[in-house]
Protein backbone atom coordinates (compact mmCIF):
# COMPACT_ATOMS: atom_id res chain seq x y z
CA MET A 1 63.79 97.13 82.17
CA SER A 2 66.56 97.96 84.62
CA THR A 3 68.51 101.26 84.03
CA THR A 4 71.64 100.40 85.93
CA ALA A 5 74.35 99.05 83.73
CA ALA A 6 76.29 95.88 84.45
CA VAL A 7 79.12 94.59 82.08
CA ASP A 8 80.48 91.09 82.30
CA LEU A 9 83.88 90.36 80.75
CA PRO A 10 83.98 86.50 80.85
CA ALA A 11 87.27 84.56 80.96
CA ALA A 12 88.06 81.18 80.03
CA ALA A 13 85.80 78.24 81.01
CA GLY A 14 86.80 76.22 84.10
CA THR A 15 86.01 78.27 87.11
CA PRO A 16 85.99 76.09 90.29
CA ALA A 17 82.87 75.61 92.29
CA ALA A 18 84.19 77.87 95.03
CA PRO A 19 85.76 80.77 93.07
CA ARG A 20 88.68 82.98 94.34
CA ARG A 21 86.95 86.48 94.41
CA GLY A 22 88.13 90.00 94.39
CA LEU A 23 85.94 93.03 95.17
CA VAL A 24 86.89 96.53 93.83
CA LEU A 25 84.96 99.53 95.25
CA GLY A 26 85.47 102.76 93.28
CA ALA A 27 85.38 106.45 93.95
CA GLY A 28 82.13 108.39 93.91
CA GLY A 29 81.70 110.97 96.73
CA VAL A 30 78.82 110.94 99.11
CA LEU A 31 76.21 109.80 96.70
CA GLY A 32 78.60 107.44 95.17
CA PHE A 33 78.84 105.65 98.60
CA SER A 34 75.11 105.49 98.87
CA TRP A 35 74.72 104.08 95.27
CA ALA A 36 77.45 101.47 96.04
CA VAL A 37 75.61 100.20 99.18
CA GLY A 38 72.58 99.59 97.13
CA ALA A 39 74.67 97.90 94.48
CA LEU A 40 76.58 95.70 96.98
CA THR A 41 73.20 94.68 98.58
CA ALA A 42 71.91 93.59 95.08
CA LEU A 43 75.27 91.86 94.38
CA GLU A 44 75.06 89.85 97.47
CA HIS A 45 71.46 88.82 96.87
CA GLU A 46 71.81 87.90 93.19
CA TYR A 47 75.20 86.15 93.44
CA GLY A 48 74.77 84.51 96.76
CA PHE A 49 77.92 85.53 98.62
CA ASP A 50 79.02 87.65 101.44
CA CYS A 51 81.20 90.70 100.20
CA ARG A 52 83.34 90.27 103.40
CA ASP A 53 84.50 86.91 102.01
CA ALA A 54 86.20 88.24 98.97
CA GLU A 55 89.97 87.38 99.03
CA TYR A 56 90.81 90.86 98.12
CA ILE A 57 89.04 94.11 98.80
CA VAL A 58 90.39 97.14 97.08
CA GLY A 59 88.83 100.65 97.89
CA THR A 60 89.44 104.05 96.38
CA SER A 61 88.16 107.32 97.81
CA ALA A 62 84.54 106.83 98.92
CA GLY A 63 85.10 103.13 98.04
CA SER A 64 87.93 103.06 100.63
CA ILE A 65 85.36 103.71 103.36
CA THR A 66 83.22 100.79 102.19
CA ALA A 67 86.38 98.59 101.86
CA ALA A 68 87.61 99.47 105.41
CA LEU A 69 84.20 98.71 106.89
CA LEU A 70 84.00 95.32 105.16
CA GLY A 71 87.50 94.59 106.12
CA CYS A 72 86.71 95.19 109.66
CA GLY A 73 83.75 92.85 109.51
CA VAL A 74 80.82 95.32 109.01
CA SER A 75 78.30 93.71 106.70
CA VAL A 76 76.59 95.38 103.72
CA GLU A 77 73.24 94.82 105.59
CA VAL A 78 74.55 97.02 108.40
CA MET A 79 75.61 99.69 105.96
CA LEU A 80 72.31 99.54 104.36
CA ARG A 81 70.46 100.03 107.65
CA HIS A 82 72.79 102.98 108.55
CA GLN A 83 72.23 104.61 105.19
CA SER A 84 68.42 104.11 105.68
CA GLY A 85 68.60 105.53 109.30
CA ILE A 86 67.20 102.36 110.80
CA PRO A 87 69.97 100.59 112.76
CA ILE A 88 69.19 97.89 115.21
CA PRO A 89 70.64 97.68 118.76
CA THR A 90 73.19 95.04 117.85
CA ASP A 91 74.62 96.98 114.94
CA PRO A 92 78.04 98.79 115.55
CA VAL A 93 77.65 102.42 116.27
CA ILE A 94 78.51 104.55 113.13
CA GLU A 95 78.08 108.19 114.33
CA TYR A 96 78.08 110.53 111.27
CA ASP A 97 75.70 113.47 110.38
CA TYR A 98 75.53 113.88 106.64
CA ASP A 99 74.17 117.35 107.13
CA SER A 100 76.71 118.82 109.52
CA ASP A 101 79.84 116.87 109.06
CA GLY A 102 82.22 118.50 106.65
CA SER A 103 82.64 115.56 104.39
CA GLY A 104 78.93 115.75 103.35
CA ARG A 105 78.71 119.37 102.26
CA PRO A 106 77.71 120.02 98.60
CA LEU A 107 80.41 122.74 98.13
CA PRO A 108 83.94 122.97 99.53
CA PRO A 109 85.28 125.80 101.68
CA ILE A 110 87.48 128.44 100.10
CA PRO A 111 90.87 126.61 99.50
CA ALA A 112 94.22 127.89 100.49
CA PRO A 113 96.02 130.33 98.18
CA GLY A 114 98.77 128.97 95.90
CA ILE A 115 99.28 125.73 93.99
CA GLY A 116 98.70 122.31 95.61
CA SER A 117 101.89 120.44 95.03
CA ALA A 118 105.05 122.20 93.50
CA GLY A 119 106.82 118.78 93.50
CA LEU A 120 104.06 117.00 91.49
CA LEU A 121 103.90 119.94 89.10
CA LEU A 122 107.67 119.60 88.43
CA ARG A 123 107.34 115.90 87.96
CA THR A 124 104.51 116.42 85.57
CA ALA A 125 106.55 118.80 83.48
CA LEU A 126 109.50 116.42 83.35
CA HIS A 127 107.54 113.19 82.84
CA PRO A 128 104.01 114.08 81.45
CA ARG A 129 103.25 110.69 80.37
CA ARG A 130 103.74 108.99 83.75
CA ILE A 131 101.14 111.30 85.29
CA THR A 132 97.43 111.00 84.78
CA PRO A 133 95.52 114.12 83.71
CA LEU A 134 93.66 114.30 87.00
CA ALA A 135 96.99 113.96 89.01
CA ALA A 136 98.42 116.73 86.88
CA LEU A 137 95.37 118.91 87.68
CA SER A 138 95.62 118.26 91.41
CA ALA A 139 99.24 119.65 91.31
CA VAL A 140 97.99 123.13 90.25
CA LEU A 141 94.65 123.15 92.25
CA PRO A 142 95.10 124.96 95.54
CA ARG A 143 95.15 122.86 98.79
CA GLY A 144 91.74 122.17 100.04
CA ARG A 145 90.72 123.10 103.65
CA ALA A 146 87.91 120.79 104.56
CA SER A 147 88.65 118.06 107.10
CA LEU A 148 87.99 114.35 106.76
CA GLU A 149 88.35 113.85 110.52
CA PRO A 150 84.66 112.72 110.84
CA VAL A 151 85.34 109.92 108.41
CA GLY A 152 88.64 108.98 110.14
CA GLN A 153 86.69 108.84 113.46
CA ILE A 154 84.17 106.30 111.95
CA VAL A 155 86.92 104.10 110.65
CA GLY A 156 88.81 104.38 113.97
CA ASP A 157 85.80 103.50 116.01
CA ILE A 158 85.16 100.34 113.93
CA ALA A 159 88.83 99.34 113.79
CA GLY A 160 89.14 99.76 117.51
CA ASP A 161 92.78 99.03 118.70
CA SER A 162 93.69 97.43 115.30
CA GLU A 163 96.11 99.24 113.10
CA TRP A 164 94.58 97.65 110.00
CA THR A 165 91.67 95.46 109.09
CA PRO A 166 91.39 91.86 110.32
CA HIS A 167 90.78 90.97 106.66
CA PRO A 168 94.22 89.86 105.41
CA ALA A 169 94.08 91.72 101.84
CA THR A 170 92.18 95.03 102.24
CA TRP A 171 93.93 97.71 100.09
CA VAL A 172 93.20 101.40 100.30
CA VAL A 173 94.47 103.46 97.27
CA ALA A 174 95.72 106.95 97.57
CA MET A 175 98.17 109.10 95.60
CA ASP A 176 101.58 110.48 96.81
CA TYR A 177 101.07 114.22 96.54
CA ALA A 178 104.67 114.84 95.58
CA THR A 179 105.23 112.18 92.98
CA GLY A 180 101.83 111.22 91.63
CA ARG A 181 102.51 107.58 92.50
CA ARG A 182 99.62 105.28 93.27
CA VAL A 183 99.88 103.84 96.74
CA PRO A 184 97.84 100.83 97.76
CA PHE A 185 98.09 101.01 101.58
CA GLY A 186 97.66 97.54 103.18
CA ARG A 187 99.52 95.78 100.34
CA GLN A 188 102.77 94.14 100.96
CA GLY A 189 105.66 96.75 100.40
CA ALA A 190 103.32 99.78 100.84
CA PRO A 191 104.22 102.47 103.45
CA ALA A 192 102.90 101.67 107.01
CA ALA A 193 99.77 103.50 107.73
CA ALA A 194 96.87 103.42 110.31
CA LEU A 195 93.59 102.47 108.67
CA PRO A 196 91.81 105.81 109.41
CA ASP A 197 94.62 107.80 108.03
CA ALA A 198 94.83 105.66 104.87
CA VAL A 199 91.02 106.11 104.35
CA MET A 200 91.25 109.84 104.86
CA ALA A 201 94.09 110.09 102.42
CA SER A 202 92.22 108.03 99.85
CA CYS A 203 89.17 110.30 100.23
CA ALA A 204 91.16 113.64 100.10
CA ILE A 205 89.87 115.24 97.03
CA PRO A 206 92.45 117.88 95.74
CA GLY A 207 91.08 121.46 96.20
CA TRP A 208 88.41 120.26 98.45
CA TYR A 209 90.06 118.39 101.42
CA ALA A 210 93.44 119.04 103.07
CA PRO A 211 96.05 116.50 102.06
CA VAL A 212 96.80 113.87 104.66
CA LEU A 213 100.22 113.46 106.21
CA ILE A 214 101.29 109.87 106.62
CA GLY A 215 104.87 109.41 107.78
CA ASP A 216 106.83 112.28 106.17
CA ARG A 217 104.66 112.38 102.98
CA CYS A 218 101.30 113.89 101.97
CA TYR A 219 98.73 111.87 100.25
CA VAL A 220 95.57 112.73 98.37
CA ASP A 221 92.49 111.01 96.72
CA GLY A 222 93.52 107.77 94.87
CA GLY A 223 90.89 108.49 92.38
CA THR A 224 93.40 111.09 90.80
CA CYS A 225 95.32 108.02 89.54
CA SER A 226 92.30 105.62 88.80
CA SER A 227 88.73 105.65 89.90
CA THR A 228 88.96 101.87 90.76
CA SER A 229 92.46 100.53 90.42
CA VAL A 230 91.14 97.17 89.29
CA ASP A 231 94.40 96.51 87.52
CA LEU A 232 96.07 96.00 90.92
CA LEU A 233 94.45 92.64 90.97
CA ALA A 234 95.80 91.45 87.76
CA GLY A 235 98.01 88.32 87.73
CA LEU A 236 96.84 87.14 91.15
CA GLY A 237 95.13 84.07 89.97
CA LEU A 238 91.62 85.14 90.95
CA ASP A 239 88.70 83.60 89.25
CA GLU A 240 86.37 86.52 89.31
CA ILE A 241 86.40 90.23 90.29
CA PHE A 242 83.26 92.37 91.01
CA VAL A 243 83.84 96.11 90.31
CA VAL A 244 81.35 98.49 91.77
CA ALA A 245 82.15 101.75 90.17
CA PRO A 246 79.99 104.75 91.11
CA MET A 247 81.84 107.07 88.61
CA ALA A 248 81.66 104.88 85.66
CA SER A 249 78.54 104.08 83.50
CA PHE A 250 77.90 101.76 80.67
CA ALA A 251 74.56 103.35 79.60
CA TYR A 252 73.72 107.08 79.83
CA ASP A 253 70.90 109.56 80.13
CA ARG A 254 70.75 112.90 78.32
CA PRO A 255 70.89 115.82 80.87
CA ARG A 256 70.03 119.28 79.59
CA SER A 257 72.05 121.24 82.10
CA VAL A 258 75.68 122.24 81.27
CA ALA A 259 76.88 120.75 84.54
CA GLY A 260 75.20 117.46 83.82
CA GLN A 261 76.63 117.23 80.35
CA PHE A 262 80.11 118.00 81.61
CA GLU A 263 79.67 115.35 84.35
CA ARG A 264 78.73 112.75 81.65
CA ARG A 265 81.68 113.63 79.56
CA PHE A 266 84.03 113.10 82.54
CA ARG A 267 82.20 109.68 83.28
CA ARG A 268 83.01 108.47 79.77
CA ILE A 269 86.67 109.13 80.33
CA VAL A 270 86.60 107.23 83.68
CA THR A 271 84.71 104.39 82.06
CA ARG A 272 87.19 104.06 79.26
CA ARG A 273 90.09 103.78 81.65
CA LEU A 274 88.07 101.18 83.80
CA ARG A 275 87.42 99.07 80.62
CA ARG A 276 91.17 99.17 79.73
CA GLU A 277 92.17 98.11 83.29
CA ALA A 278 89.52 95.40 83.35
CA GLU A 279 90.76 94.06 80.00
CA LYS A 280 94.24 93.61 81.51
CA VAL A 281 92.71 91.58 84.34
CA GLN A 282 90.60 89.58 82.07
CA GLU A 283 93.39 88.73 79.68
CA ALA A 284 95.06 86.96 82.69
CA GLY A 285 92.03 84.70 82.94
CA THR A 286 89.89 86.40 85.62
CA ASP A 287 86.20 87.01 84.95
CA VAL A 288 85.28 90.67 85.54
CA VAL A 289 81.76 91.94 86.26
CA MET A 290 81.50 95.70 86.39
CA LEU A 291 78.54 97.62 87.74
CA GLY A 292 77.97 101.32 87.27
CA PRO A 293 75.12 103.74 87.50
CA GLY A 294 72.70 103.67 84.50
CA PRO A 295 70.43 106.42 83.15
CA GLU A 296 67.87 106.33 86.00
CA ASP A 297 70.53 106.39 88.64
CA LEU A 298 72.32 109.28 86.85
CA ALA A 299 69.25 111.37 86.78
CA THR A 300 68.75 110.82 90.58
CA ILE A 301 72.35 111.45 91.42
CA GLY A 302 72.58 114.76 89.40
CA PRO A 303 75.82 116.60 88.52
CA ASN A 304 77.07 116.82 92.22
CA LEU A 305 78.21 113.60 93.71
CA MET A 306 78.85 115.41 97.09
CA ASP A 307 75.28 116.64 97.62
CA PRO A 308 73.96 114.57 100.57
CA ARG A 309 70.41 115.81 100.14
CA ARG A 310 69.91 113.11 97.29
CA ARG A 311 71.49 110.35 99.36
CA GLN A 312 68.39 108.33 100.35
CA GLN A 313 66.77 108.71 96.76
CA VAL A 314 70.07 107.48 95.35
CA LEU A 315 70.14 104.51 97.61
CA ASP A 316 66.60 103.53 96.85
CA THR A 317 67.14 103.75 93.17
CA SER A 318 70.19 101.76 93.27
CA LEU A 319 68.62 98.97 95.24
CA ARG A 320 66.07 98.46 92.47
CA THR A 321 68.16 99.20 89.39
CA SER A 322 71.24 97.31 90.36
CA ALA A 323 69.15 94.19 91.12
CA GLY A 324 67.40 94.37 87.72
CA SER A 325 70.75 94.79 85.95
CA LEU A 326 72.37 91.81 87.61
CA ARG A 327 69.47 89.70 86.70
CA GLU A 328 69.76 90.62 83.07
CA LEU A 329 73.23 88.93 82.88
CA SER A 330 72.68 85.47 81.21
CA PRO A 331 72.73 82.41 83.57
CA SER A 332 76.11 81.37 82.18
CA ASP A 333 77.62 84.63 83.19
CA VAL A 334 76.53 84.10 86.87
CA PRO A 335 79.21 82.16 88.88
CA SER A 336 78.38 79.44 91.20
CA ALA A 337 77.13 80.58 94.60
CA VAL A 338 79.33 79.67 97.56
């Protein structure tokens, strides 16, 4: 029996043979990225479609890297080979060393002294109900010092001379560090940003990485507002949305360590918000399939999503458990393949 958890929130009947699809890729650090590659591989195999063909692709934090790669035409199969260390000559070059590049270290460097954002702290005090708890926490955390330049370099190399993805609706979610406002770069009306800068901003975990300056404003990890931001796709008339959420879970293990227990409590908070967001989308008539790590995945991931030493094991586990979980959905839950 699979230990990855998938949840399907079905909408009304009448989905067309060629459904309009959205793909949402959530936050999750280094290990969340690896888990998501396994989950996306299973998703493509079980549902019979190419993730690059989704009408909307939304990425947050680690999910923004995946979204950017998909939006630039990099297939899930290529990502899988890169994660497994077995690229073929025709694959695009993705130069990244998980052991030496700063974004793959299990612990952050000592942050800068002082609070992170005085403006956000003031806004939290004046309008506490408008600011998420994680955004409020990011205001008081000191500014991180780690650099995301290696990640930006990957995205820049793949994007080439393009300012954004060729895919017409790839959104990369970050948070305005002064206001706590969620900003989906790439969506109409959002501030202009180069793709590498937007991805680095979306990945800039407060207290770990330095905020990213875009225009005249600083931005940090979009996961401080929402781990997935699936609600951004509400009301767009989509038939179905697939949500790959490394930080959410719909079935849990029972870790003995204090760190593991704390991490699971945090996951429950993240999952509750995801369910609320997904229900808003479902109420508008869109079918939502959510996939998150299950007990076996959680035991493999451990309490630290930034520890690259578990990367291959997490990927291998996800490939197996995600496929099994998706197969357990009843045939009526599975949309027609394109």
